[in-house]
Full PDB file with SEQRES, HELIX, SHEET, SSBOND, CRYST1, ORIGX, SCALE, CONECT and MASTER records, all heavy atoms in Angstrom:
SEQRES   1 A   37  GLY THR ALA ARG SER GLU TYR GLU ALA LEU THR GLY ASN          
SEQRES   2 A   37  SER MET SER PHE LEU PRO SER GLY SER VAL PRO TYR GLN          
SEQRES   3 A   37  LEU TYR VAL ARG ASP PRO GLU TYR GLY LEU ALA                  
HELIX    1 AA1 THR A    2  THR A   11  1                                  10    
HELIX    2 AA2 MET A   15  PHE A   17  5                                   3    
HELIX    3 AA3 PRO A   24  LEU A   27  1                                   4    
CRYST1    1.000    1.000    1.000  90.00  90.00  90.00 P 1           1          
ORIGX1      1.000000  0.000000  0.000000        0.00000                         
ORIGX2      0.000000  1.000000  0.000000        0.00000                         
ORIGX3      0.000000  0.000000  1.000000        0.00000                         
SCALE1      1.000000  0.000000  0.000000        0.00000                         
SCALE2      0.000000  1.000000  0.000000        0.00000                         
SCALE3      0.000000  0.000000  1.000000        0.00000                         
ATOM      1  N   GLY A   1      24.433 130.512 -13.714  1.00  0.00           N  
ATOM      2  CA  GLY A   1      24.189 131.951 -13.871  1.00  0.00           C  
ATOM      3  C   GLY A   1      25.319 132.688 -14.544  1.00  0.00           C  
ATOM      4  O   GLY A   1      25.608 133.846 -14.262  1.00  0.00           O  
ATOM      5  N   THR A   2      25.983 132.019 -15.502  1.00  0.00           N  
ATOM      6  CA  THR A   2      27.087 132.581 -16.242  1.00  0.00           C  
ATOM      7  C   THR A   2      26.861 134.013 -16.694  1.00  0.00           C  
ATOM      8  O   THR A   2      27.754 134.871 -16.595  1.00  0.00           O  
ATOM      9  CB  THR A   2      27.416 131.693 -17.480  1.00  0.00           C  
ATOM     10  OG1 THR A   2      27.903 130.445 -17.043  1.00  0.00           O  
ATOM     11  CG2 THR A   2      28.394 132.328 -18.378  1.00  0.00           C  
ATOM     12  N   ALA A   3      25.700 134.274 -17.229  1.00  0.00           N  
ATOM     13  CA  ALA A   3      25.444 135.583 -17.866  1.00  0.00           C  
ATOM     14  C   ALA A   3      25.432 136.717 -16.813  1.00  0.00           C  
ATOM     15  O   ALA A   3      25.555 137.888 -17.194  1.00  0.00           O  
ATOM     16  CB  ALA A   3      24.098 135.572 -18.567  1.00  0.00           C  
ATOM     17  N   ARG A   4      25.306 136.435 -15.560  1.00  0.00           N  
ATOM     18  CA  ARG A   4      25.359 137.508 -14.530  1.00  0.00           C  
ATOM     19  C   ARG A   4      26.785 138.063 -14.436  1.00  0.00           C  
ATOM     20  O   ARG A   4      27.007 139.292 -14.411  1.00  0.00           O  
ATOM     21  CB  ARG A   4      24.885 137.012 -13.150  1.00  0.00           C  
ATOM     22  CG  ARG A   4      23.459 136.536 -13.127  1.00  0.00           C  
ATOM     23  CD  ARG A   4      23.023 136.182 -11.717  1.00  0.00           C  
ATOM     24  NE  ARG A   4      21.708 135.598 -11.701  1.00  0.00           N  
ATOM     25  CZ  ARG A   4      21.439 134.288 -11.539  1.00  0.00           C  
ATOM     26  NH1 ARG A   4      22.432 133.445 -11.350  1.00  0.00           N  
ATOM     27  NH2 ARG A   4      20.186 133.853 -11.559  1.00  0.00           N  
ATOM     28  N   SER A   5      27.776 137.171 -14.370  1.00  0.00           N  
ATOM     29  CA  SER A   5      29.175 137.650 -14.358  1.00  0.00           C  
ATOM     30  C   SER A   5      29.545 138.317 -15.650  1.00  0.00           C  
ATOM     31  O   SER A   5      30.238 139.361 -15.640  1.00  0.00           O  
ATOM     32  CB  SER A   5      30.116 136.416 -14.126  1.00  0.00           C  
ATOM     33  OG  SER A   5      29.797 135.728 -12.922  1.00  0.00           O  
ATOM     34  N   GLU A   6      29.069 137.781 -16.756  1.00  0.00           N  
ATOM     35  CA  GLU A   6      29.342 138.380 -18.066  1.00  0.00           C  
ATOM     36  C   GLU A   6      28.769 139.793 -18.137  1.00  0.00           C  
ATOM     37  O   GLU A   6      29.405 140.745 -18.626  1.00  0.00           O  
ATOM     38  CB  GLU A   6      28.703 137.488 -19.117  1.00  0.00           C  
ATOM     39  CG  GLU A   6      28.904 137.908 -20.556  1.00  0.00           C  
ATOM     40  CD  GLU A   6      28.322 136.913 -21.508  1.00  0.00           C  
ATOM     41  OE1 GLU A   6      27.970 135.766 -21.118  1.00  0.00           O  
ATOM     42  OE2 GLU A   6      28.141 137.293 -22.665  1.00  0.00           O  
ATOM     43  N   TYR A   7      27.552 139.942 -17.664  1.00  0.00           N  
ATOM     44  CA  TYR A   7      26.879 141.249 -17.649  1.00  0.00           C  
ATOM     45  C   TYR A   7      27.693 142.279 -16.862  1.00  0.00           C  
ATOM     46  O   TYR A   7      27.900 143.407 -17.340  1.00  0.00           O  
ATOM     47  CB  TYR A   7      25.462 141.066 -17.013  1.00  0.00           C  
ATOM     48  CG  TYR A   7      24.709 142.354 -16.817  1.00  0.00           C  
ATOM     49  CD1 TYR A   7      24.058 143.018 -17.864  1.00  0.00           C  
ATOM     50  CD2 TYR A   7      24.625 142.910 -15.518  1.00  0.00           C  
ATOM     51  CE1 TYR A   7      23.348 144.200 -17.632  1.00  0.00           C  
ATOM     52  CE2 TYR A   7      23.875 144.060 -15.280  1.00  0.00           C  
ATOM     53  CZ  TYR A   7      23.272 144.716 -16.333  1.00  0.00           C  
ATOM     54  OH  TYR A   7      22.553 145.864 -16.117  1.00  0.00           O  
ATOM     55  N   GLU A   8      28.134 141.904 -15.670  1.00  0.00           N  
ATOM     56  CA  GLU A   8      28.928 142.881 -14.879  1.00  0.00           C  
ATOM     57  C   GLU A   8      30.216 143.262 -15.598  1.00  0.00           C  
ATOM     58  O   GLU A   8      30.559 144.447 -15.663  1.00  0.00           O  
ATOM     59  CB  GLU A   8      29.269 142.282 -13.527  1.00  0.00           C  
ATOM     60  CG  GLU A   8      28.077 142.216 -12.587  1.00  0.00           C  
ATOM     61  CD  GLU A   8      28.485 142.119 -11.145  1.00  0.00           C  
ATOM     62  OE1 GLU A   8      29.658 141.847 -10.841  1.00  0.00           O  
ATOM     63  OE2 GLU A   8      27.612 142.281 -10.242  1.00  0.00           O  
ATOM     64  N   ALA A   9      30.957 142.288 -16.169  1.00  0.00           N  
ATOM     65  CA  ALA A   9      32.237 142.545 -16.772  1.00  0.00           C  
ATOM     66  C   ALA A   9      32.079 143.448 -18.007  1.00  0.00           C  
ATOM     67  O   ALA A   9      32.912 144.323 -18.254  1.00  0.00           O  
ATOM     68  CB  ALA A   9      32.918 141.233 -17.093  1.00  0.00           C  
ATOM     69  N   LEU A  10      31.039 143.248 -18.790  1.00  0.00           N  
ATOM     70  CA  LEU A  10      30.867 143.956 -20.060  1.00  0.00           C  
ATOM     71  C   LEU A  10      30.218 145.323 -19.887  1.00  0.00           C  
ATOM     72  O   LEU A  10      30.432 146.190 -20.725  1.00  0.00           O  
ATOM     73  CB  LEU A  10      30.103 143.112 -21.057  1.00  0.00           C  
ATOM     74  CG  LEU A  10      30.793 141.877 -21.620  1.00  0.00           C  
ATOM     75  CD1 LEU A  10      29.890 141.106 -22.550  1.00  0.00           C  
ATOM     76  CD2 LEU A  10      32.108 142.287 -22.361  1.00  0.00           C  
ATOM     77  N   THR A  11      29.369 145.475 -18.895  1.00  0.00           N  
ATOM     78  CA  THR A  11      28.636 146.749 -18.757  1.00  0.00           C  
ATOM     79  C   THR A  11      29.126 147.633 -17.639  1.00  0.00           C  
ATOM     80  O   THR A  11      28.932 148.874 -17.672  1.00  0.00           O  
ATOM     81  CB  THR A  11      27.148 146.488 -18.482  1.00  0.00           C  
ATOM     82  OG1 THR A  11      26.980 145.906 -17.207  1.00  0.00           O  
ATOM     83  CG2 THR A  11      26.540 145.561 -19.566  1.00  0.00           C  
ATOM     84  N   GLY A  12      29.737 147.063 -16.635  1.00  0.00           N  
ATOM     85  CA  GLY A  12      30.142 147.870 -15.418  1.00  0.00           C  
ATOM     86  C   GLY A  12      28.989 147.970 -14.475  1.00  0.00           C  
ATOM     87  O   GLY A  12      29.161 148.528 -13.335  1.00  0.00           O  
ATOM     88  N   ASN A  13      27.797 147.494 -14.794  1.00  0.00           N  
ATOM     89  CA  ASN A  13      26.660 147.514 -13.866  1.00  0.00           C  
ATOM     90  C   ASN A  13      26.831 146.393 -12.843  1.00  0.00           C  
ATOM     91  O   ASN A  13      27.462 145.411 -13.154  1.00  0.00           O  
ATOM     92  CB  ASN A  13      25.354 147.340 -14.607  1.00  0.00           C  
ATOM     93  CG  ASN A  13      25.071 148.525 -15.540  1.00  0.00           C  
ATOM     94  OD1 ASN A  13      25.505 149.647 -15.299  1.00  0.00           O  
ATOM     95  ND2 ASN A  13      24.274 148.255 -16.604  1.00  0.00           N  
ATOM     96  N   SER A  14      26.216 146.571 -11.702  1.00  0.00           N  
ATOM     97  CA  SER A  14      26.334 145.587 -10.619  1.00  0.00           C  
ATOM     98  C   SER A  14      25.015 144.863 -10.392  1.00  0.00           C  
ATOM     99  O   SER A  14      23.954 145.470 -10.331  1.00  0.00           O  
ATOM    100  CB  SER A  14      26.771 146.249  -9.309  1.00  0.00           C  
ATOM    101  OG  SER A  14      26.800 145.359  -8.244  1.00  0.00           O  
ATOM    102  N   MET A  15      25.129 143.564 -10.259  1.00  0.00           N  
ATOM    103  CA  MET A  15      23.938 142.736  -9.858  1.00  0.00           C  
ATOM    104  C   MET A  15      23.479 143.099  -8.471  1.00  0.00           C  
ATOM    105  O   MET A  15      22.314 142.726  -8.095  1.00  0.00           O  
ATOM    106  CB  MET A  15      24.286 141.253  -9.965  1.00  0.00           C  
ATOM    107  CG  MET A  15      24.494 140.699 -11.344  1.00  0.00           C  
ATOM    108  SD  MET A  15      23.024 140.749 -12.394  1.00  0.00           S  
ATOM    109  CE  MET A  15      21.852 139.870 -11.399  1.00  0.00           C  
ATOM    110  N   SER A  16      24.289 143.772  -7.683  1.00  0.00           N  
ATOM    111  CA  SER A  16      23.925 144.138  -6.364  1.00  0.00           C  
ATOM    112  C   SER A  16      22.651 144.968  -6.279  1.00  0.00           C  
ATOM    113  O   SER A  16      21.951 144.919  -5.251  1.00  0.00           O  
ATOM    114  CB  SER A  16      25.061 144.905  -5.687  1.00  0.00           C  
ATOM    115  OG  SER A  16      24.831 145.246  -4.368  1.00  0.00           O  
ATOM    116  N   PHE A  17      22.353 145.680  -7.354  1.00  0.00           N  
ATOM    117  CA  PHE A  17      21.159 146.549  -7.367  1.00  0.00           C  
ATOM    118  C   PHE A  17      19.947 145.886  -8.096  1.00  0.00           C  
ATOM    119  O   PHE A  17      18.921 146.544  -8.273  1.00  0.00           O  
ATOM    120  CB  PHE A  17      21.471 147.867  -8.054  1.00  0.00           C  
ATOM    121  CG  PHE A  17      22.685 148.548  -7.451  1.00  0.00           C  
ATOM    122  CD1 PHE A  17      23.779 148.914  -8.249  1.00  0.00           C  
ATOM    123  CD2 PHE A  17      22.726 148.862  -6.125  1.00  0.00           C  
ATOM    124  CE1 PHE A  17      24.868 149.539  -7.712  1.00  0.00           C  
ATOM    125  CE2 PHE A  17      23.820 149.497  -5.539  1.00  0.00           C  
ATOM    126  CZ  PHE A  17      24.918 149.857  -6.335  1.00  0.00           C  
ATOM    127  N   LEU A  18      20.099 144.634  -8.443  1.00  0.00           N  
ATOM    128  CA  LEU A  18      19.033 143.963  -9.207  1.00  0.00           C  
ATOM    129  C   LEU A  18      18.490 142.839  -8.375  1.00  0.00           C  
ATOM    130  O   LEU A  18      19.141 142.311  -7.463  1.00  0.00           O  
ATOM    131  CB  LEU A  18      19.588 143.442 -10.530  1.00  0.00           C  
ATOM    132  CG  LEU A  18      20.173 144.540 -11.472  1.00  0.00           C  
ATOM    133  CD1 LEU A  18      20.784 143.904 -12.717  1.00  0.00           C  
ATOM    134  CD2 LEU A  18      19.132 145.531 -11.832  1.00  0.00           C  
ATOM    135  N   PRO A  19      17.263 142.332  -8.648  1.00  0.00           N  
ATOM    136  CA  PRO A  19      16.644 141.305  -7.878  1.00  0.00           C  
ATOM    137  C   PRO A  19      17.505 140.032  -7.866  1.00  0.00           C  
ATOM    138  O   PRO A  19      18.061 139.587  -8.921  1.00  0.00           O  
ATOM    139  CB  PRO A  19      15.333 141.021  -8.596  1.00  0.00           C  
ATOM    140  CG  PRO A  19      15.004 142.318  -9.264  1.00  0.00           C  
ATOM    141  CD  PRO A  19      16.341 142.854  -9.693  1.00  0.00           C  
ATOM    142  N   SER A  20      17.651 139.416  -6.705  1.00  0.00           N  
ATOM    143  CA  SER A  20      18.400 138.177  -6.570  1.00  0.00           C  
ATOM    144  C   SER A  20      17.774 137.145  -7.457  1.00  0.00           C  
ATOM    145  O   SER A  20      16.564 136.884  -7.445  1.00  0.00           O  
ATOM    146  CB  SER A  20      18.384 137.704  -5.137  1.00  0.00           C  
ATOM    147  OG  SER A  20      18.998 136.477  -4.959  1.00  0.00           O  
ATOM    148  N   GLY A  21      18.622 136.460  -8.252  1.00  0.00           N  
ATOM    149  CA  GLY A  21      18.124 135.420  -9.148  1.00  0.00           C  
ATOM    150  C   GLY A  21      17.780 135.887 -10.547  1.00  0.00           C  
ATOM    151  O   GLY A  21      17.582 135.078 -11.439  1.00  0.00           O  
ATOM    152  N   SER A  22      17.717 137.198 -10.723  1.00  0.00           N  
ATOM    153  CA  SER A  22      17.397 137.712 -12.058  1.00  0.00           C  
ATOM    154  C   SER A  22      18.608 137.573 -13.004  1.00  0.00           C  
ATOM    155  O   SER A  22      19.756 137.492 -12.555  1.00  0.00           O  
ATOM    156  CB  SER A  22      16.970 139.186 -11.999  1.00  0.00           C  
ATOM    157  OG  SER A  22      18.037 140.015 -11.541  1.00  0.00           O  
ATOM    158  N   VAL A  23      18.350 137.549 -14.318  1.00  0.00           N  
ATOM    159  CA  VAL A  23      19.372 137.507 -15.327  1.00  0.00           C  
ATOM    160  C   VAL A  23      19.172 138.660 -16.295  1.00  0.00           C  
ATOM    161  O   VAL A  23      18.197 138.614 -17.101  1.00  0.00           O  
ATOM    162  CB  VAL A  23      19.374 136.163 -16.076  1.00  0.00           C  
ATOM    163  CG1 VAL A  23      20.468 136.118 -17.128  1.00  0.00           C  
ATOM    164  CG2 VAL A  23      19.511 134.977 -15.132  1.00  0.00           C  
ATOM    165  N   PRO A  24      19.944 139.711 -16.216  1.00  0.00           N  
ATOM    166  CA  PRO A  24      19.683 140.887 -17.064  1.00  0.00           C  
ATOM    167  C   PRO A  24      19.599 140.615 -18.562  1.00  0.00           C  
ATOM    168  O   PRO A  24      18.782 141.269 -19.211  1.00  0.00           O  
ATOM    169  CB  PRO A  24      20.897 141.794 -16.714  1.00  0.00           C  
ATOM    170  CG  PRO A  24      21.313 141.392 -15.343  1.00  0.00           C  
ATOM    171  CD  PRO A  24      21.065 139.915 -15.281  1.00  0.00           C  
ATOM    172  N   TYR A  25      20.366 139.678 -19.046  1.00  0.00           N  
ATOM    173  CA  TYR A  25      20.295 139.373 -20.450  1.00  0.00           C  
ATOM    174  C   TYR A  25      18.891 138.949 -20.896  1.00  0.00           C  
ATOM    175  O   TYR A  25      18.535 139.177 -22.042  1.00  0.00           O  
ATOM    176  CB  TYR A  25      21.274 138.263 -20.812  1.00  0.00           C  
ATOM    177  CG  TYR A  25      22.716 138.662 -21.066  1.00  0.00           C  
ATOM    178  CD1 TYR A  25      23.175 139.933 -20.658  1.00  0.00           C  
ATOM    179  CD2 TYR A  25      23.614 137.789 -21.649  1.00  0.00           C  
ATOM    180  CE1 TYR A  25      24.476 140.280 -20.866  1.00  0.00           C  
ATOM    181  CE2 TYR A  25      24.918 138.101 -21.874  1.00  0.00           C  
ATOM    182  CZ  TYR A  25      25.363 139.379 -21.461  1.00  0.00           C  
ATOM    183  OH  TYR A  25      26.683 139.750 -21.694  1.00  0.00           O  
ATOM    184  N   GLN A  26      18.136 138.407 -20.018  1.00  0.00           N  
ATOM    185  CA  GLN A  26      16.813 137.931 -20.347  1.00  0.00           C  
ATOM    186  C   GLN A  26      15.690 138.967 -20.054  1.00  0.00           C  
ATOM    187  O   GLN A  26      14.571 138.807 -20.482  1.00  0.00           O  
ATOM    188  CB  GLN A  26      16.511 136.644 -19.624  1.00  0.00           C  
ATOM    189  CG  GLN A  26      17.465 135.512 -20.030  1.00  0.00           C  
ATOM    190  CD  GLN A  26      17.256 134.236 -19.195  1.00  0.00           C  
ATOM    191  OE1 GLN A  26      16.992 134.304 -18.031  1.00  0.00           O  
ATOM    192  NE2 GLN A  26      17.340 133.092 -19.831  1.00  0.00           N  
ATOM    193  N   LEU A  27      16.053 139.977 -19.237  1.00  0.00           N  
ATOM    194  CA  LEU A  27      15.033 140.867 -18.739  1.00  0.00           C  
ATOM    195  C   LEU A  27      15.218 142.325 -18.984  1.00  0.00           C  
ATOM    196  O   LEU A  27      14.301 143.093 -19.225  1.00  0.00           O  
ATOM    197  CB  LEU A  27      14.856 140.624 -17.210  1.00  0.00           C  
ATOM    198  CG  LEU A  27      14.343 139.299 -16.784  1.00  0.00           C  
ATOM    199  CD1 LEU A  27      14.596 139.051 -15.275  1.00  0.00           C  
ATOM    200  CD2 LEU A  27      12.853 139.194 -17.049  1.00  0.00           C  
ATOM    201  N   TYR A  28      16.478 142.782 -18.855  1.00  0.00           N  
ATOM    202  CA  TYR A  28      16.688 144.233 -18.721  1.00  0.00           C  
ATOM    203  C   TYR A  28      17.516 144.871 -19.833  1.00  0.00           C  
ATOM    204  O   TYR A  28      17.601 146.118 -19.864  1.00  0.00           O  
ATOM    205  CB  TYR A  28      17.384 144.518 -17.382  1.00  0.00           C  
ATOM    206  CG  TYR A  28      16.745 143.852 -16.192  1.00  0.00           C  
ATOM    207  CD1 TYR A  28      17.474 143.137 -15.268  1.00  0.00           C  
ATOM    208  CD2 TYR A  28      15.344 143.974 -15.985  1.00  0.00           C  
ATOM    209  CE1 TYR A  28      16.815 142.540 -14.187  1.00  0.00           C  
ATOM    210  CE2 TYR A  28      14.716 143.392 -14.926  1.00  0.00           C  
ATOM    211  CZ  TYR A  28      15.495 142.670 -14.008  1.00  0.00           C  
ATOM    212  OH  TYR A  28      14.877 142.081 -12.921  1.00  0.00           O  
ATOM    213  N   VAL A  29      18.133 144.103 -20.695  1.00  0.00           N  
ATOM    214  CA  VAL A  29      19.039 144.735 -21.672  1.00  0.00           C  
ATOM    215  C   VAL A  29      18.209 145.646 -22.654  1.00  0.00           C  
ATOM    216  O   VAL A  29      17.140 145.263 -23.101  1.00  0.00           O  
ATOM    217  CB  VAL A  29      19.789 143.679 -22.486  1.00  0.00           C  
ATOM    218  CG1 VAL A  29      20.462 144.234 -23.708  1.00  0.00           C  
ATOM    219  CG2 VAL A  29      20.812 142.996 -21.580  1.00  0.00           C  
ATOM    220  N   ARG A  30      18.782 146.803 -22.931  1.00  0.00           N  
ATOM    221  CA  ARG A  30      18.133 147.721 -23.835  1.00  0.00           C  
ATOM    222  C   ARG A  30      18.982 147.959 -25.054  1.00  0.00           C  
ATOM    223  O   ARG A  30      20.107 147.484 -25.128  1.00  0.00           O  
ATOM    224  CB  ARG A  30      17.817 149.035 -23.089  1.00  0.00           C  
ATOM    225  CG  ARG A  30      19.047 149.758 -22.561  1.00  0.00           C  
ATOM    226  CD  ARG A  30      18.714 150.698 -21.456  1.00  0.00           C  
ATOM    227  NE  ARG A  30      17.690 151.648 -21.817  1.00  0.00           N  
ATOM    228  CZ  ARG A  30      17.165 152.512 -20.937  1.00  0.00           C  
ATOM    229  NH1 ARG A  30      17.494 152.504 -19.633  1.00  0.00           N  
ATOM    230  NH2 ARG A  30      16.256 153.439 -21.329  1.00  0.00           N  
ATOM    231  N   ASP A  31      18.470 148.625 -26.020  1.00  0.00           N  
ATOM    232  CA  ASP A  31      19.166 148.947 -27.261  1.00  0.00           C  
ATOM    233  C   ASP A  31      19.279 150.433 -27.438  1.00  0.00           C  
ATOM    234  O   ASP A  31      18.245 151.093 -27.667  1.00  0.00           O  
ATOM    235  CB  ASP A  31      18.434 148.285 -28.459  1.00  0.00           C  
ATOM    236  CG  ASP A  31      19.252 148.330 -29.712  1.00  0.00           C  
ATOM    237  OD1 ASP A  31      20.409 148.788 -29.695  1.00  0.00           O  
ATOM    238  OD2 ASP A  31      18.657 147.947 -30.771  1.00  0.00           O  
ATOM    239  N   PRO A  32      20.486 151.040 -27.332  1.00  0.00           N  
ATOM    240  CA  PRO A  32      21.774 150.333 -27.136  1.00  0.00           C  
ATOM    241  C   PRO A  32      22.042 150.026 -25.669  1.00  0.00           C  
ATOM    242  O   PRO A  32      21.527 150.666 -24.772  1.00  0.00           O  
ATOM    243  CB  PRO A  32      22.789 151.368 -27.621  1.00  0.00           C  
ATOM    244  CG  PRO A  32      22.104 152.709 -27.356  1.00  0.00           C  
ATOM    245  CD  PRO A  32      20.630 152.475 -27.524  1.00  0.00           C  
ATOM    246  N   GLU A  33      22.869 148.983 -25.471  1.00  0.00           N  
ATOM    247  CA  GLU A  33      23.321 148.571 -24.164  1.00  0.00           C  
ATOM    248  C   GLU A  33      24.772 148.994 -24.024  1.00  0.00           C  
ATOM    249  O   GLU A  33      25.684 148.415 -24.611  1.00  0.00           O  
ATOM    250  CB  GLU A  33      23.213 147.038 -23.987  1.00  0.00           C  
ATOM    251  CG  GLU A  33      23.717 146.561 -22.632  1.00  0.00           C  
ATOM    252  CD  GLU A  33      22.771 146.861 -21.481  1.00  0.00           C  
ATOM    253  OE1 GLU A  33      21.612 147.266 -21.729  1.00  0.00           O  
ATOM    254  OE2 GLU A  33      23.179 146.779 -20.342  1.00  0.00           O  
ATOM    255  N   TYR A  34      25.039 150.081 -23.313  1.00  0.00           N  
ATOM    256  CA  TYR A  34      26.348 150.660 -23.279  1.00  0.00           C  
ATOM    257  C   TYR A  34      27.299 149.807 -22.449  1.00  0.00           C  
ATOM    258  O   TYR A  34      26.918 149.147 -21.493  1.00  0.00           O  
ATOM    259  CB  TYR A  34      26.282 152.092 -22.668  1.00  0.00           C  
ATOM    260  CG  TYR A  34      25.457 153.053 -23.509  1.00  0.00           C  
ATOM    261  CD1 TYR A  34      24.382 153.695 -22.968  1.00  0.00           C  
ATOM    262  CD2 TYR A  34      25.750 153.224 -24.866  1.00  0.00           C  
ATOM    263  CE1 TYR A  34      23.606 154.568 -23.693  1.00  0.00           C  
ATOM    264  CE2 TYR A  34      24.955 154.099 -25.647  1.00  0.00           C  
ATOM    265  CZ  TYR A  34      23.874 154.750 -25.057  1.00  0.00           C  
ATOM    266  OH  TYR A  34      23.150 155.605 -25.825  1.00  0.00           O  
ATOM    267  N   GLY A  35      28.579 149.820 -22.822  1.00  0.00           N  
ATOM    268  CA  GLY A  35      29.547 149.034 -22.096  1.00  0.00           C  
ATOM    269  C   GLY A  35      30.835 148.918 -22.921  1.00  0.00           C  
ATOM    270  O   GLY A  35      31.138 149.711 -23.827  1.00  0.00           O  
ATOM    271  N   LEU A  36      31.618 147.910 -22.581  1.00  0.00           N  
ATOM    272  CA  LEU A  36      32.949 147.719 -23.127  1.00  0.00           C  
ATOM    273  C   LEU A  36      32.965 147.634 -24.618  1.00  0.00           C  
ATOM    274  O   LEU A  36      33.813 148.275 -25.282  1.00  0.00           O  
ATOM    275  CB  LEU A  36      33.566 146.464 -22.518  1.00  0.00           C  
ATOM    276  CG  LEU A  36      35.040 146.194 -22.804  1.00  0.00           C  
ATOM    277  CD1 LEU A  36      35.907 147.360 -22.334  1.00  0.00           C  
ATOM    278  CD2 LEU A  36      35.486 144.889 -22.139  1.00  0.00           C  
ATOM    279  N   ALA A  37      32.095 146.830 -25.229  1.00  0.00           N  
ATOM    280  CA  ALA A  37      32.115 146.668 -26.704  1.00  0.00           C  
ATOM    281  C   ALA A  37      31.827 147.978 -27.379  1.00  0.00           C  
ATOM    282  O   ALA A  37      32.525 148.378 -28.331  1.00  0.00           O  
ATOM    283  CB  ALA A  37      31.086 145.622 -27.093  1.00  0.00           C  
TER     284      ALA A  37                                                      
MASTER        0    0    0    3    0    0    0    6  283    1    0    3          
END                                                                             
C-alpha cells in the first residue's frame, strides 16, 4: 500500500478518515489535487 503513505505526505490528508483498505490514488484524486507539489 505504498501509495497510501505517499498520499499523506504529499497532500496532508489523512487515511484515518478514509475507508480501511482504500487507495486514494485509484479512487479519490481530483483535478487539481492540492498539496506539496
